[in-house]
Structure formats: C-alpha cells, structure tokens
C-alpha cells in the first residue's frame, strides 16, 4: 500500500545482548534513529549506565545539530534505562515529549491529530485521536502499546491507518508513558477498565482493538469483558508474564522460585532475587524497572503482581474475531508459547494466525523490522472480516 509515511525496513545485529539489540533496532525502525550513529554507539554500551550515558550524548549532539527526530528518539531511549528515582528521569522524559510535540506542532494545529485526556478515577488517560483521511470510513481502532511503550512512538502507525480509512484512538493506560510518569497510574491486569472509560467517553461501538507486546495480552483481556470490541489484534501475545520472566533461567532455579511463590516465603525469595540482581546488572535494571511500573516495592511483590498478567484464564471468554501476530525469532516470546494461546481460544468468532519471518525482516519482537508489512496485514484482515 502506498503511503506518505516512511517506515524503515530491516533488522540489524547492533549488540550481542538480545535486549540491547532489540532496543537499538526499535530506536532505528520506529523512532527514526540514525543507522550509523546507532552502530557506533552500540560498541560502547556494556550496561544500563553506559546506555544512558551514550544515548544522552548522542541526544544532545542531535539536538545541537537540529536533527530533532533523532534527538527525540535518543532522549526517550536514554530515559528508558534510567532507574526509578534517577534525578534526571522525569526531566529526560519531558524533554523527549516536549520536543515531539513542538516538532509535530502542525499535525495538532491543523487538527489532523487531537490530543485529549480521559478521566480515570482521580487521574487521566492520555489519548491521541484522528479521523480517517479517506471519505470512505472503514473502521475505528483502539491502539495501545505494552510494558515499556509511550504513545508518541506509535504516531506514524496511527497516521498510516488514518491514510487507509481508519479512525484511531491511540492511548496510554496505567503503567505506560505519561499515565505512569505524569498521572502516577501503575499497571493493572484489568485492562477492560481503561478501555471501558475510553469507549464511554467517546461513545464508541463496533471497534477493533490492537495491542502491542504486553498490550497483545491486555487487549484480548479487555475484549473478554467488553462486547463493544468486535475485532481483536494481538500484536505479540504471551500466556503469562511471570512465566515469560523466568523462562530463560535454569530449570532448577525456576523450580525454586515457583516453590517459594507457592509457599509464600517472601524473605527467602527476596534474598534470592536480590543476589541475582547483584550479579547481573541487566536483571537488576529489569526488576527495579518492573517494580516501578507495577507500583510495588519488593521482588516478591513484583513476581506476585506480574503473575496476575495472564491470558489463559480468560481465553475461552473471548468471542470476537481474533488476529494473532507472532515473530519467528522474538527474543521475548518464544514461538512455542503460541500453541497454548491458540488452544484456549475455543469460542472466538474467527481466528487468524500469522507468523512473520526473518525473510520478511519481521522476525523480531513486535516485528519492529517491518511495521508496514504488519499494518498492511491488519488492514487487509479487517477489510475481510468486518461486515460491509
């Protein structure tokens, strides 16, 4: 499909660490980072601290050179690896977001995209929304990310969908972007709660919901309890966030953690996880980062909280048309995780499963190497599935 939106294509071996490598690819493909600049900086990254240092340096360099798109991307990703409580974390987030809205001011002044704030308890959910560019309206989409997303990252996707006849409501729920950083809303598994508020606020019916990454679990969970959602797109989906976290650990270590969780031995489990955090800086960052997102204070509380983020207990309640999108070499979600997901979808109206591959440059998490291919797949699916 032709478009004015320029999506980059390709995946690159920037870094031997899978998480650093993915985040670098994500910065290139979704946030318009400079390829050669990212290749150079990758060589100097060894841990979260060096990531932060190097990304702040290239962010300031890009800003000085008036390469604003790159500056936005680099400030955002510098903030990504800053610990909760870091004195510069909120300022760095603000700098990235403020640069974004200044750079794209014409989109908002023209009314192409409208920025809104939907009440949610005593706080608010940030929302960006747009009407379809084409006269022929096709569908209304609710779009959201996952564990580490912020909505501005998905604006190119939103504009592409707009070009193709879709109204799009792009939002941040509890635990994400500004909802976490500005409103203090930490993650909840009951995603139907923020979704319901948005559907009510805009009086929406007969919508498609698209969730990316952890959002690929949250969107179906919302659909299980909200019949105004008629079509579900799970852009990466995992059965259980706790199972995913410990998946790469040695089997004996997994067994010990599960036993301590079952017996409720909080003190011993905290000691065990903290000893692991001391040995592995990236695990230390991941646990601290996760505790902040989830609104908890100890590793034990964190593991108990993420064990609530599971999909298999509600799969049979999903009755909508369902599109499941996977990736051949997703370093977060192994391909074998998809079988139990598919097996529990007993009552969906229809089920389509698409596994993207390395040959398509879409083998990594959320198919970051070829977003256009995935969006075209979603658009075609909706046109086929939705009644005329």
Foldseek 3Di string as FASTA:
>chain_A
DDDPQDFFFFADCLEPDVVLSVLLLLLCGLQVADPVLSSVLSVQDDFLVSLLVSLVVVLVVCVVVVVLSNNLSSLLRSLLSDFVVPPCNLVSLCVSVVSLCVVVVVCDVVPQKDWDWFDAPPFTKTKIKGFAPDPAAQFEEEEEEAQEEEQSSCVSVRVVVSPVHYIYIYIDDFLYRCCCSPGVGADDLQLLRVVVRVCVVVVAAAHEYEYFDLGLLSQQSNLLPDVSHAEYERLDDFFFQLCLVCVPPDPVVVVVLVVCLVVVVQVVNQVVQVVVCVVDVRSVSVQSSQCSRRVHDTSSVSSVRRRVSGRLVRLCSRAHHYEYEEACAEVRHHPVRVVSSVVSNPHYPHYHYDYDYVVRSQRYGSRSNCVPVVSVVVVVVSVVPPDD
